[in-house]
Amino acid sequence: GVRLVGSEMCIRDSIWISNKKNSIVQDVFSNSLLIEFQILSQDNVEKYLFKMLKNKQVKNFTKTGLFTIATLCNYDLRKCINVCQTLNILDKIITKINVIDFLLNGTNQTFETLLHHIQTKKIKKAIKLIQNMQQNGNSTLNIMNQLLSYIILSHSEEKQLEAMHLYKMICQFKQRILIGVNSNIQLHAMICSIATNETS
């Protein structure tokens, strides 16, 4: 057979992306595998979510809840799945009201649940919730910063001492990450410290 030089192999093995298949050079097109992507319809998004939840044996959802997720997420399947996952981790039934409430106040609900899991020593649930946030694109530092904001804004005047104690504790672990200590190790250490109410 014909032996290809490096640049020719790069051309042969490249992935070509185009909105119009007739814009691809014919010589390349004739030797390519064509995969056409289409925007999912509302009906397809809802069917996929329904099937996914059934396969995961999740029972706490309604069809109007799935319709609301699909509509409010503009049929972006990745966003729809993230909302479903988070509501399930938060032990929320996927209904129209809960979906709207979560999308309006989701950050506060998430960190309220996270802090509750940590303080009641439900460590596995806390880690699962954090992992879900990380999968949604949140870095460890971002999660810590949001948790700090939630603690300051949500605690009443009577609980300001408790809030400041938590704030200082989280800041210690955040500072270690900033100087280069492994972020996941510090995140787990922070969870254990808050759960046992110990500073380190």
N, C-alpha and C. Protein backbone atom coordinates (compact mmCIF):
# COMPACT_ATOMS: atom_id res chain seq x y z
N GLY A 1 0.82 -1.19 0.00
CA GLY A 1 0.00 0.00 0.00
C GLY A 1 0.87 1.25 0.00
N VAL A 2 0.20 2.38 -0.11
CA VAL A 2 0.90 3.67 -0.12
C VAL A 2 1.31 4.04 1.30
N ARG A 3 2.54 4.46 1.46
CA ARG A 3 3.02 4.87 2.78
C ARG A 3 2.80 6.37 2.96
N LEU A 4 2.14 6.76 4.09
CA LEU A 4 1.84 8.16 4.34
C LEU A 4 2.91 8.80 5.22
N VAL A 5 3.23 10.05 4.91
CA VAL A 5 4.11 10.80 5.81
C VAL A 5 3.27 11.36 6.96
N GLY A 6 3.95 11.94 7.96
CA GLY A 6 3.26 12.38 9.17
C GLY A 6 2.10 13.33 8.95
N SER A 7 2.33 14.37 8.10
CA SER A 7 1.27 15.36 7.88
C SER A 7 0.06 14.74 7.19
N GLU A 8 0.31 13.78 6.28
CA GLU A 8 -0.80 13.11 5.59
C GLU A 8 -1.60 12.23 6.55
N MET A 9 -0.89 11.60 7.49
CA MET A 9 -1.58 10.78 8.49
C MET A 9 -2.45 11.65 9.40
N CYS A 10 -1.94 12.86 9.72
CA CYS A 10 -2.72 13.78 10.55
C CYS A 10 -4.02 14.16 9.85
N ILE A 11 -3.91 14.41 8.53
CA ILE A 11 -5.11 14.76 7.75
C ILE A 11 -6.07 13.57 7.72
N ARG A 12 -5.52 12.38 7.50
CA ARG A 12 -6.35 11.17 7.41
C ARG A 12 -7.09 10.91 8.72
N ASP A 13 -6.40 11.11 9.85
CA ASP A 13 -6.97 10.74 11.15
C ASP A 13 -7.69 11.89 11.85
N SER A 14 -7.82 13.03 11.18
CA SER A 14 -8.46 14.18 11.81
C SER A 14 -9.97 14.01 11.89
N ILE A 15 -10.56 14.70 12.87
CA ILE A 15 -12.01 14.78 12.96
C ILE A 15 -12.43 16.10 12.34
N TRP A 16 -13.29 16.04 11.35
CA TRP A 16 -13.76 17.24 10.67
C TRP A 16 -15.15 17.57 11.17
N ILE A 17 -15.34 18.80 11.61
CA ILE A 17 -16.64 19.23 12.12
C ILE A 17 -17.14 20.35 11.24
N SER A 18 -18.37 20.21 10.76
CA SER A 18 -18.94 21.25 9.90
C SER A 18 -20.45 21.29 10.06
N ASN A 19 -21.01 22.48 9.95
CA ASN A 19 -22.47 22.63 9.97
C ASN A 19 -23.09 22.19 8.65
N LYS A 20 -22.30 22.20 7.59
CA LYS A 20 -22.80 21.81 6.28
C LYS A 20 -21.87 20.78 5.68
N LYS A 21 -22.43 19.58 5.41
CA LYS A 21 -21.55 18.52 4.92
C LYS A 21 -21.00 18.81 3.53
N ASN A 22 -21.69 19.68 2.73
CA ASN A 22 -21.17 19.99 1.41
C ASN A 22 -20.02 20.99 1.44
N SER A 23 -19.67 21.48 2.68
CA SER A 23 -18.53 22.39 2.80
C SER A 23 -17.23 21.62 3.02
N ILE A 24 -17.33 20.30 3.23
CA ILE A 24 -16.13 19.47 3.42
C ILE A 24 -15.57 19.09 2.05
N VAL A 25 -14.26 19.19 1.91
CA VAL A 25 -13.60 18.86 0.63
C VAL A 25 -13.99 17.44 0.21
N GLN A 26 -14.36 17.27 -1.05
CA GLN A 26 -14.90 16.00 -1.54
C GLN A 26 -13.94 14.83 -1.31
N ASP A 27 -12.61 15.04 -1.50
CA ASP A 27 -11.64 13.96 -1.32
C ASP A 27 -11.62 13.47 0.12
N VAL A 28 -11.80 14.42 1.05
CA VAL A 28 -11.85 14.04 2.47
C VAL A 28 -13.18 13.37 2.77
N PHE A 29 -14.24 13.94 2.25
CA PHE A 29 -15.59 13.44 2.51
C PHE A 29 -15.77 12.00 2.04
N SER A 30 -15.19 11.68 0.88
CA SER A 30 -15.37 10.35 0.29
C SER A 30 -14.69 9.26 1.11
N ASN A 31 -13.67 9.63 1.91
CA ASN A 31 -12.95 8.64 2.72
C ASN A 31 -13.27 8.77 4.21
N SER A 32 -14.42 9.37 4.51
CA SER A 32 -14.75 9.64 5.91
C SER A 32 -16.01 8.90 6.36
N LEU A 33 -16.09 8.71 7.65
CA LEU A 33 -17.32 8.20 8.25
C LEU A 33 -18.15 9.42 8.64
N LEU A 34 -19.35 9.51 8.10
CA LEU A 34 -20.19 10.68 8.35
C LEU A 34 -21.13 10.41 9.53
N ILE A 35 -21.04 11.26 10.53
CA ILE A 35 -21.96 11.18 11.67
C ILE A 35 -22.72 12.50 11.73
N GLU A 36 -24.00 12.45 11.55
CA GLU A 36 -24.81 13.67 11.57
C GLU A 36 -25.48 13.83 12.94
N PHE A 37 -25.29 15.01 13.54
CA PHE A 37 -25.88 15.31 14.84
C PHE A 37 -27.10 16.20 14.63
N GLN A 38 -28.13 15.95 15.42
CA GLN A 38 -29.33 16.77 15.34
C GLN A 38 -29.73 17.22 16.74
N ILE A 39 -30.36 18.38 16.82
CA ILE A 39 -30.86 18.87 18.11
C ILE A 39 -32.02 17.98 18.55
N LEU A 40 -31.98 17.54 19.80
CA LEU A 40 -33.05 16.70 20.31
C LEU A 40 -34.34 17.50 20.45
N SER A 41 -35.44 16.85 20.13
CA SER A 41 -36.74 17.51 20.30
C SER A 41 -37.15 17.43 21.76
N GLN A 42 -38.14 18.24 22.13
CA GLN A 42 -38.66 18.22 23.51
C GLN A 42 -39.12 16.82 23.88
N ASP A 43 -39.82 16.17 22.96
CA ASP A 43 -40.36 14.83 23.23
C ASP A 43 -39.23 13.83 23.48
N ASN A 44 -38.15 13.92 22.68
CA ASN A 44 -37.02 13.00 22.84
C ASN A 44 -36.29 13.22 24.16
N VAL A 45 -36.15 14.49 24.57
CA VAL A 45 -35.48 14.80 25.84
C VAL A 45 -36.28 14.22 27.00
N GLU A 46 -37.59 14.42 27.00
CA GLU A 46 -38.44 13.90 28.08
C GLU A 46 -38.41 12.38 28.11
N LYS A 47 -38.43 11.74 26.94
CA LYS A 47 -38.39 10.27 26.87
C LYS A 47 -37.07 9.75 27.43
N TYR A 48 -35.97 10.44 27.09
CA TYR A 48 -34.66 10.01 27.58
C TYR A 48 -34.59 10.13 29.10
N LEU A 49 -35.05 11.25 29.65
CA LEU A 49 -35.05 11.46 31.11
C LEU A 49 -35.90 10.40 31.80
N PHE A 50 -37.07 10.12 31.23
CA PHE A 50 -37.97 9.11 31.80
C PHE A 50 -37.29 7.74 31.83
N LYS A 51 -36.67 7.37 30.70
CA LYS A 51 -35.98 6.08 30.60
C LYS A 51 -34.81 6.00 31.57
N MET A 52 -34.03 7.10 31.66
CA MET A 52 -32.86 7.15 32.55
C MET A 52 -33.28 6.94 34.00
N LEU A 53 -34.32 7.65 34.44
CA LEU A 53 -34.77 7.54 35.83
C LEU A 53 -35.34 6.15 36.12
N LYS A 54 -36.03 5.58 35.15
CA LYS A 54 -36.57 4.21 35.33
C LYS A 54 -35.43 3.21 35.46
N ASN A 55 -34.39 3.36 34.61
CA ASN A 55 -33.24 2.45 34.66
C ASN A 55 -32.47 2.57 35.97
N LYS A 56 -32.44 3.79 36.53
CA LYS A 56 -31.77 4.03 37.82
C LYS A 56 -32.68 3.70 38.99
N GLN A 57 -33.90 3.21 38.67
CA GLN A 57 -34.90 2.84 39.69
C GLN A 57 -35.27 4.02 40.60
N VAL A 58 -35.31 5.21 40.00
CA VAL A 58 -35.77 6.39 40.72
C VAL A 58 -37.28 6.49 40.53
N LYS A 59 -38.02 6.52 41.63
CA LYS A 59 -39.49 6.52 41.55
C LYS A 59 -40.09 7.88 41.85
N ASN A 60 -39.30 8.76 42.49
CA ASN A 60 -39.85 10.05 42.94
C ASN A 60 -39.79 11.12 41.86
N PHE A 61 -40.59 10.94 40.80
CA PHE A 61 -40.68 11.96 39.76
C PHE A 61 -42.05 11.91 39.09
N THR A 62 -42.42 13.04 38.50
CA THR A 62 -43.68 13.11 37.76
C THR A 62 -43.38 13.53 36.33
N LYS A 63 -44.29 13.24 35.42
CA LYS A 63 -44.09 13.61 34.02
C LYS A 63 -44.11 15.12 33.85
N THR A 64 -44.93 15.82 34.65
CA THR A 64 -44.93 17.29 34.57
C THR A 64 -43.61 17.86 35.08
N GLY A 65 -42.98 17.15 36.04
CA GLY A 65 -41.66 17.56 36.53
C GLY A 65 -40.61 17.47 35.44
N LEU A 66 -40.65 16.36 34.67
CA LEU A 66 -39.70 16.17 33.57
C LEU A 66 -39.95 17.19 32.46
N PHE A 67 -41.23 17.46 32.19
CA PHE A 67 -41.58 18.47 31.18
C PHE A 67 -41.04 19.84 31.58
N THR A 68 -41.16 20.17 32.88
CA THR A 68 -40.68 21.46 33.38
C THR A 68 -39.16 21.57 33.26
N ILE A 69 -38.45 20.48 33.61
CA ILE A 69 -36.98 20.48 33.48
C ILE A 69 -36.58 20.70 32.03
N ALA A 70 -37.19 19.93 31.13
CA ALA A 70 -36.84 20.05 29.70
C ALA A 70 -37.09 21.46 29.18
N THR A 71 -38.21 22.02 29.58
CA THR A 71 -38.58 23.36 29.09
C THR A 71 -37.65 24.43 29.64
N LEU A 72 -37.42 24.42 30.96
CA LEU A 72 -36.61 25.47 31.59
C LEU A 72 -35.12 25.34 31.25
N CYS A 73 -34.69 24.14 30.88
CA CYS A 73 -33.28 23.94 30.48
C CYS A 73 -33.10 24.06 28.97
N ASN A 74 -34.17 24.52 28.28
CA ASN A 74 -34.12 24.70 26.82
C ASN A 74 -33.73 23.43 26.08
N TYR A 75 -34.16 22.29 26.62
CA TYR A 75 -33.94 20.97 26.01
C TYR A 75 -32.46 20.62 25.88
N ASP A 76 -31.62 21.26 26.72
CA ASP A 76 -30.20 20.90 26.80
C ASP A 76 -30.11 19.65 27.68
N LEU A 77 -29.83 18.50 27.05
CA LEU A 77 -29.90 17.23 27.77
C LEU A 77 -28.93 17.17 28.94
N ARG A 78 -27.73 17.72 28.74
CA ARG A 78 -26.73 17.69 29.83
C ARG A 78 -27.25 18.45 31.06
N LYS A 79 -27.83 19.63 30.84
CA LYS A 79 -28.38 20.41 31.95
C LYS A 79 -29.55 19.69 32.60
N CYS A 80 -30.39 19.08 31.77
CA CYS A 80 -31.55 18.33 32.29
C CYS A 80 -31.11 17.19 33.22
N ILE A 81 -30.08 16.46 32.78
CA ILE A 81 -29.57 15.34 33.59
C ILE A 81 -28.98 15.86 34.90
N ASN A 82 -28.24 16.98 34.84
CA ASN A 82 -27.66 17.56 36.06
C ASN A 82 -28.74 17.93 37.07
N VAL A 83 -29.84 18.53 36.59
CA VAL A 83 -30.94 18.91 37.48
C VAL A 83 -31.57 17.67 38.11
N CYS A 84 -31.80 16.64 37.29
CA CYS A 84 -32.38 15.38 37.81
C CYS A 84 -31.48 14.76 38.88
N GLN A 85 -30.17 14.69 38.59
CA GLN A 85 -29.22 14.10 39.53
C GLN A 85 -29.20 14.86 40.85
N THR A 86 -29.16 16.19 40.76
CA THR A 86 -29.06 17.00 41.97
C THR A 86 -30.33 16.89 42.81
N LEU A 87 -31.50 16.96 42.18
CA LEU A 87 -32.75 16.82 42.93
C LEU A 87 -32.85 15.45 43.60
N ASN A 88 -32.37 14.43 42.92
CA ASN A 88 -32.39 13.08 43.50
C ASN A 88 -31.46 13.00 44.71
N ILE A 89 -30.27 13.59 44.61
CA ILE A 89 -29.32 13.59 45.73
C ILE A 89 -29.88 14.40 46.91
N LEU A 90 -30.62 15.47 46.59
CA LEU A 90 -31.22 16.30 47.65
C LEU A 90 -32.50 15.68 48.23
N ASP A 91 -32.83 14.46 47.75
CA ASP A 91 -34.05 13.75 48.20
C ASP A 91 -35.31 14.55 47.91
N LYS A 92 -35.31 15.25 46.79
CA LYS A 92 -36.48 16.02 46.36
C LYS A 92 -37.24 15.24 45.30
N ILE A 93 -38.57 15.20 45.42
CA ILE A 93 -39.39 14.60 44.38
C ILE A 93 -39.36 15.53 43.16
N ILE A 94 -39.19 14.96 41.98
CA ILE A 94 -39.09 15.77 40.77
C ILE A 94 -40.50 16.15 40.31
N THR A 95 -41.01 17.23 40.87
CA THR A 95 -42.31 17.77 40.49
C THR A 95 -42.11 19.16 39.90
N LYS A 96 -43.14 19.70 39.28
CA LYS A 96 -43.06 21.02 38.67
C LYS A 96 -42.64 22.08 39.70
N ILE A 97 -43.28 22.06 40.88
CA ILE A 97 -42.99 23.05 41.92
C ILE A 97 -41.56 22.93 42.41
N ASN A 98 -41.10 21.69 42.68
CA ASN A 98 -39.74 21.49 43.18
C ASN A 98 -38.67 21.87 42.15
N VAL A 99 -38.97 21.60 40.88
CA VAL A 99 -38.01 21.96 39.81
C VAL A 99 -37.86 23.47 39.72
N ILE A 100 -38.99 24.18 39.71
CA ILE A 100 -38.95 25.65 39.62
C ILE A 100 -38.25 26.23 40.84
N ASP A 101 -38.58 25.70 42.03
CA ASP A 101 -37.97 26.19 43.27
C ASP A 101 -36.47 25.95 43.26
N PHE A 102 -36.04 24.77 42.78
CA PHE A 102 -34.62 24.45 42.74
C PHE A 102 -33.87 25.36 41.77
N LEU A 103 -34.45 25.57 40.58
CA LEU A 103 -33.77 26.40 39.58
C LEU A 103 -33.70 27.87 40.00
N LEU A 104 -34.63 28.29 40.86
CA LEU A 104 -34.59 29.66 41.38
C LEU A 104 -33.68 29.79 42.60
N ASN A 105 -33.69 28.75 43.45
CA ASN A 105 -32.95 28.82 44.73
C ASN A 105 -32.02 27.64 44.92
N GLY A 106 -31.54 27.07 43.82
CA GLY A 106 -30.80 25.81 43.89
C GLY A 106 -29.54 25.85 44.72
N THR A 107 -28.77 26.93 44.63
CA THR A 107 -27.50 27.02 45.35
C THR A 107 -27.71 26.94 46.85
N ASN A 108 -28.66 27.71 47.37
CA ASN A 108 -28.93 27.69 48.80
C ASN A 108 -29.40 26.32 49.28
N GLN A 109 -30.29 25.70 48.50
CA GLN A 109 -30.79 24.36 48.86
C GLN A 109 -29.65 23.35 48.89
N THR A 110 -28.78 23.42 47.90
CA THR A 110 -27.67 22.47 47.80
C THR A 110 -26.74 22.59 49.00
N PHE A 111 -26.36 23.82 49.36
CA PHE A 111 -25.40 24.01 50.45
C PHE A 111 -26.05 23.83 51.82
N GLU A 112 -27.34 24.09 51.92
CA GLU A 112 -28.06 23.79 53.16
C GLU A 112 -28.05 22.29 53.41
N THR A 113 -28.32 21.52 52.35
CA THR A 113 -28.32 20.05 52.45
C THR A 113 -26.91 19.53 52.72
N LEU A 114 -25.91 20.11 52.04
CA LEU A 114 -24.52 19.68 52.23
C LEU A 114 -24.10 19.88 53.68
N LEU A 115 -24.36 21.05 54.22
CA LEU A 115 -23.98 21.36 55.60
C LEU A 115 -24.72 20.45 56.59
N HIS A 116 -25.98 20.20 56.30
CA HIS A 116 -26.78 19.31 57.17
C HIS A 116 -26.20 17.90 57.17
N HIS A 117 -25.84 17.39 55.99
CA HIS A 117 -25.25 16.05 55.89
C HIS A 117 -23.95 15.97 56.68
N ILE A 118 -23.12 17.01 56.56
CA ILE A 118 -21.83 17.00 57.26
C ILE A 118 -22.03 17.04 58.77
N GLN A 119 -22.89 17.95 59.24
CA GLN A 119 -23.09 18.13 60.68
C GLN A 119 -23.82 16.97 61.33
N THR A 120 -24.57 16.21 60.54
CA THR A 120 -25.26 15.02 61.09
C THR A 120 -24.47 13.75 60.78
N LYS A 121 -23.20 13.96 60.34
CA LYS A 121 -22.25 12.86 60.11
C LYS A 121 -22.69 11.89 59.00
N LYS A 122 -23.45 12.39 58.03
CA LYS A 122 -23.81 11.58 56.85
C LYS A 122 -22.76 11.86 55.78
N ILE A 123 -21.55 11.36 56.06
CA ILE A 123 -20.38 11.71 55.25
C ILE A 123 -20.52 11.23 53.81
N LYS A 124 -21.01 10.00 53.60
CA LYS A 124 -21.15 9.46 52.24
C LYS A 124 -22.08 10.33 51.39
N LYS A 125 -23.19 10.77 52.02
CA LYS A 125 -24.14 11.62 51.29
C LYS A 125 -23.51 12.97 50.95
N ALA A 126 -22.73 13.51 51.89
CA ALA A 126 -22.06 14.80 51.66
C ALA A 126 -21.07 14.68 50.51
N ILE A 127 -20.27 13.61 50.51
CA ILE A 127 -19.28 13.41 49.44
C ILE A 127 -19.96 13.21 48.10
N LYS A 128 -21.08 12.47 48.08
CA LYS A 128 -21.82 12.23 46.84
C LYS A 128 -22.34 13.55 46.27
N LEU A 129 -22.82 14.43 47.15
CA LEU A 129 -23.32 15.73 46.72
C LEU A 129 -22.19 16.60 46.16
N ILE A 130 -21.03 16.56 46.82
CA ILE A 130 -19.87 17.32 46.34
C ILE A 130 -19.39 16.78 44.99
N GLN A 131 -19.35 15.46 44.86
CA GLN A 131 -18.94 14.86 43.59
C GLN A 131 -19.86 15.28 42.45
N ASN A 132 -21.16 15.37 42.76
CA ASN A 132 -22.12 15.83 41.76
C ASN A 132 -21.84 17.27 41.35
N MET A 133 -21.50 18.11 42.33
CA MET A 133 -21.15 19.51 42.02
C MET A 133 -19.89 19.57 41.17
N GLN A 134 -18.91 18.71 41.48
CA GLN A 134 -17.66 18.69 40.71
C GLN A 134 -17.92 18.24 39.28
N GLN A 135 -18.80 17.25 39.11
CA GLN A 135 -19.15 16.78 37.77
C GLN A 135 -19.85 17.87 36.96
N ASN A 136 -20.51 18.79 37.67
CA ASN A 136 -21.19 19.90 37.00
C ASN A 136 -20.25 21.08 36.74
N GLY A 137 -18.94 20.88 36.99
CA GLY A 137 -17.96 21.89 36.63
C GLY A 137 -17.47 22.77 37.76
N ASN A 138 -17.87 22.47 38.99
CA ASN A 138 -17.41 23.27 40.13
C ASN A 138 -16.07 22.75 40.65
N SER A 139 -15.09 23.63 40.78
CA SER A 139 -13.82 23.24 41.37
C SER A 139 -13.96 23.16 42.88
N THR A 140 -12.98 22.53 43.54
CA THR A 140 -12.99 22.42 45.00
C THR A 140 -13.01 23.80 45.65
N LEU A 141 -12.19 24.72 45.13
CA LEU A 141 -12.15 26.08 45.69
C LEU A 141 -13.48 26.80 45.49
N ASN A 142 -14.09 26.59 44.35
CA ASN A 142 -15.39 27.21 44.08
C ASN A 142 -16.45 26.70 45.06
N ILE A 143 -16.43 25.40 45.33
CA ILE A 143 -17.38 24.80 46.28
C ILE A 143 -17.15 25.40 47.67
N MET A 144 -15.89 25.52 48.07
CA MET A 144 -15.58 26.09 49.38
C MET A 144 -16.03 27.55 49.48
N ASN A 145 -15.79 28.32 48.41
CA ASN A 145 -16.20 29.73 48.41
C ASN A 145 -17.71 29.88 48.51
N GLN A 146 -18.43 29.03 47.79
CA GLN A 146 -19.90 29.08 47.84
C GLN A 146 -20.42 28.66 49.22
N LEU A 147 -19.74 27.67 49.82
CA LEU A 147 -20.13 27.24 51.16
C LEU A 147 -19.89 28.36 52.18
N LEU A 148 -18.77 29.06 52.04
CA LEU A 148 -18.48 30.20 52.93
C LEU A 148 -19.54 31.28 52.79
N SER A 149 -19.94 31.58 51.56
CA SER A 149 -20.97 32.59 51.32
C SER A 149 -22.30 32.18 51.93
N TYR A 150 -22.63 30.90 51.75
CA TYR A 150 -23.89 30.40 52.31
C TYR A 150 -23.89 30.52 53.84
N ILE A 151 -22.78 30.14 54.47
CA ILE A 151 -22.70 30.18 55.94
C ILE A 151 -22.90 31.60 56.47
N ILE A 152 -22.25 32.57 55.85
CA ILE A 152 -22.35 33.96 56.30
C ILE A 152 -23.75 34.53 56.09
N LEU A 153 -24.35 34.22 54.94
CA LEU A 153 -25.64 34.81 54.59
C LEU A 153 -26.84 34.12 55.25
N SER A 154 -26.69 32.85 55.60
CA SER A 154 -27.86 32.09 56.06
C SER A 154 -28.01 32.03 57.58
N HIS A 155 -26.94 32.27 58.32
CA HIS A 155 -27.03 32.15 59.78
C HIS A 155 -27.61 33.42 60.40
N SER A 156 -28.52 33.22 61.35
CA SER A 156 -29.13 34.34 62.06
C SER A 156 -28.13 34.95 63.04
N GLU A 157 -28.50 36.09 63.61
CA GLU A 157 -27.61 36.77 64.57
C GLU A 157 -27.29 35.87 65.76
N GLU A 158 -28.27 35.08 66.20
CA GLU A 158 -28.06 34.20 67.36
C GLU A 158 -27.02 33.13 67.06
N LYS A 159 -26.82 32.82 65.78
CA LYS A 159 -25.90 31.74 65.42
C LYS A 159 -24.62 32.27 64.76
N GLN A 160 -24.32 33.55 64.95
CA GLN A 160 -23.15 34.14 64.32
C GLN A 160 -21.84 33.53 64.83
N LEU A 161 -21.79 33.16 66.12
CA LEU A 161 -20.58 32.53 66.67
C LEU A 161 -20.32 31.19 65.99
N GLU A 162 -21.38 30.41 65.82
CA GLU A 162 -21.27 29.12 65.14
C GLU A 162 -20.82 29.34 63.69
N ALA A 163 -21.40 30.36 63.05
CA ALA A 163 -21.05 30.66 61.66
C ALA A 163 -19.58 31.04 61.52
N MET A 164 -19.08 31.87 62.43
CA MET A 164 -17.69 32.30 62.37
C MET A 164 -16.73 31.14 62.62
N HIS A 165 -17.13 30.23 63.52
CA HIS A 165 -16.32 29.04 63.79
C HIS A 165 -16.19 28.19 62.52
N LEU A 166 -17.32 27.97 61.83
CA LEU A 166 -17.31 27.21 60.59
C LEU A 166 -16.49 27.94 59.52
N TYR A 167 -16.67 29.25 59.46
CA TYR A 167 -15.99 30.08 58.46
C TYR A 167 -14.46 29.95 58.61
N LYS A 168 -13.97 30.09 59.85
CA LYS A 168 -12.53 29.99 60.10
C LYS A 168 -12.00 28.60 59.77
N MET A 169 -12.80 27.59 60.10
CA MET A 169 -12.39 26.20 59.86
C MET A 169 -12.23 25.94 58.35
N ILE A 170 -13.21 26.39 57.57
CA ILE A 170 -13.16 26.19 56.11
C ILE A 170 -12.01 26.98 55.50
N CYS A 171 -11.78 28.19 56.00
CA CYS A 171 -10.69 29.03 55.49
C CYS A 171 -9.32 28.38 55.69
N GLN A 172 -9.15 27.64 56.78
CA GLN A 172 -7.89 26.93 57.03
C GLN A 172 -7.59 25.95 55.89
N PHE A 173 -8.62 25.16 55.52
CA PHE A 173 -8.43 24.16 54.46
C PHE A 173 -8.30 24.82 53.09
N LYS A 174 -9.02 25.91 52.89
CA LYS A 174 -8.92 26.65 51.63
C LYS A 174 -7.49 27.19 51.45
N GLN A 175 -6.90 27.70 52.54
CA GLN A 175 -5.56 28.25 52.48
C GLN A 175 -4.54 27.19 52.10
N ARG A 176 -4.74 25.97 52.61
CA ARG A 176 -3.81 24.87 52.28
C ARG A 176 -3.87 24.53 50.80
N ILE A 177 -5.08 24.59 50.23
CA ILE A 177 -5.22 24.31 48.79
C ILE A 177 -4.49 25.38 47.98
N LEU A 178 -4.61 26.63 48.42
CA LEU A 178 -3.99 27.75 47.70
C LEU A 178 -2.46 27.66 47.69
N ILE A 179 -1.88 26.98 48.71
CA ILE A 179 -0.41 26.83 48.72
C ILE A 179 0.04 25.51 48.10
N GLY A 180 -0.94 24.77 47.52
CA GLY A 180 -0.56 23.61 46.71
C GLY A 180 -0.85 22.24 47.29
N VAL A 181 -1.51 22.16 48.45
CA VAL A 181 -1.85 20.85 49.02
C VAL A 181 -3.01 20.26 48.23
N ASN A 182 -3.03 18.93 48.07
CA ASN A 182 -4.06 18.24 47.28
C ASN A 182 -5.46 18.67 47.70
N SER A 183 -6.25 19.17 46.72
CA SER A 183 -7.56 19.76 47.03
C SER A 183 -8.58 18.74 47.52
N ASN A 184 -8.59 17.55 46.91
CA ASN A 184 -9.57 16.53 47.33
C ASN A 184 -9.30 16.03 48.74
N ILE A 185 -8.03 15.88 49.08
CA ILE A 185 -7.67 15.46 50.44
C ILE A 185 -8.14 16.52 51.44
N GLN A 186 -7.92 17.80 51.12
CA GLN A 186 -8.33 18.88 52.01
C GLN A 186 -9.85 18.98 52.13
N LEU A 187 -10.54 18.69 51.03
CA LEU A 187 -12.00 18.72 51.05
C LEU A 187 -12.55 17.64 51.98
N HIS A 188 -11.99 16.43 51.89
CA HIS A 188 -12.41 15.34 52.77
C HIS A 188 -12.05 15.64 54.23
N ALA A 189 -10.86 16.23 54.43
CA ALA A 189 -10.45 16.59 55.80
C ALA A 189 -11.38 17.65 56.38
N MET A 190 -11.78 18.61 55.54
CA MET A 190 -12.71 19.66 55.98
C MET A 190 -14.05 19.05 56.41
N ILE A 191 -14.56 18.12 55.61
CA ILE A 191 -15.84 17.46 55.94
C ILE A 191 -15.75 16.76 57.29
N CYS A 192 -14.67 16.01 57.48
CA CYS A 192 -14.49 15.28 58.76
C CYS A 192 -14.33 16.22 59.93
N SER A 193 -13.63 17.35 59.74
CA SER A 193 -13.43 18.32 60.81
C SER A 193 -14.75 18.97 61.23
N ILE A 194 -15.57 19.35 60.24
CA ILE A 194 -16.87 19.95 60.56
C ILE A 194 -17.77 18.93 61.24
N ALA A 195 -17.74 17.67 60.75
CA ALA A 195 -18.58 16.62 61.33
C ALA A 195 -18.24 16.34 62.78
N THR A 196 -16.94 16.42 63.10
CA THR A 196 -16.51 16.14 64.48
C THR A 196 -16.33 17.43 65.30
N ASN A 197 -16.53 18.58 64.60
CA ASN A 197 -16.43 19.90 65.25
C ASN A 197 -15.05 20.13 65.83
N GLU A 198 -14.02 19.72 65.05
CA GLU A 198 -12.64 19.88 65.51
C GLU A 198 -11.87 20.74 64.54
N THR A 199 -11.02 21.60 65.04
CA THR A 199 -10.11 22.35 64.20
C THR A 199 -8.80 21.59 64.10
N SER A 200 -8.07 21.85 63.02
CA SER A 200 -6.80 21.11 62.88
C SER A 200 -5.66 22.06 62.56
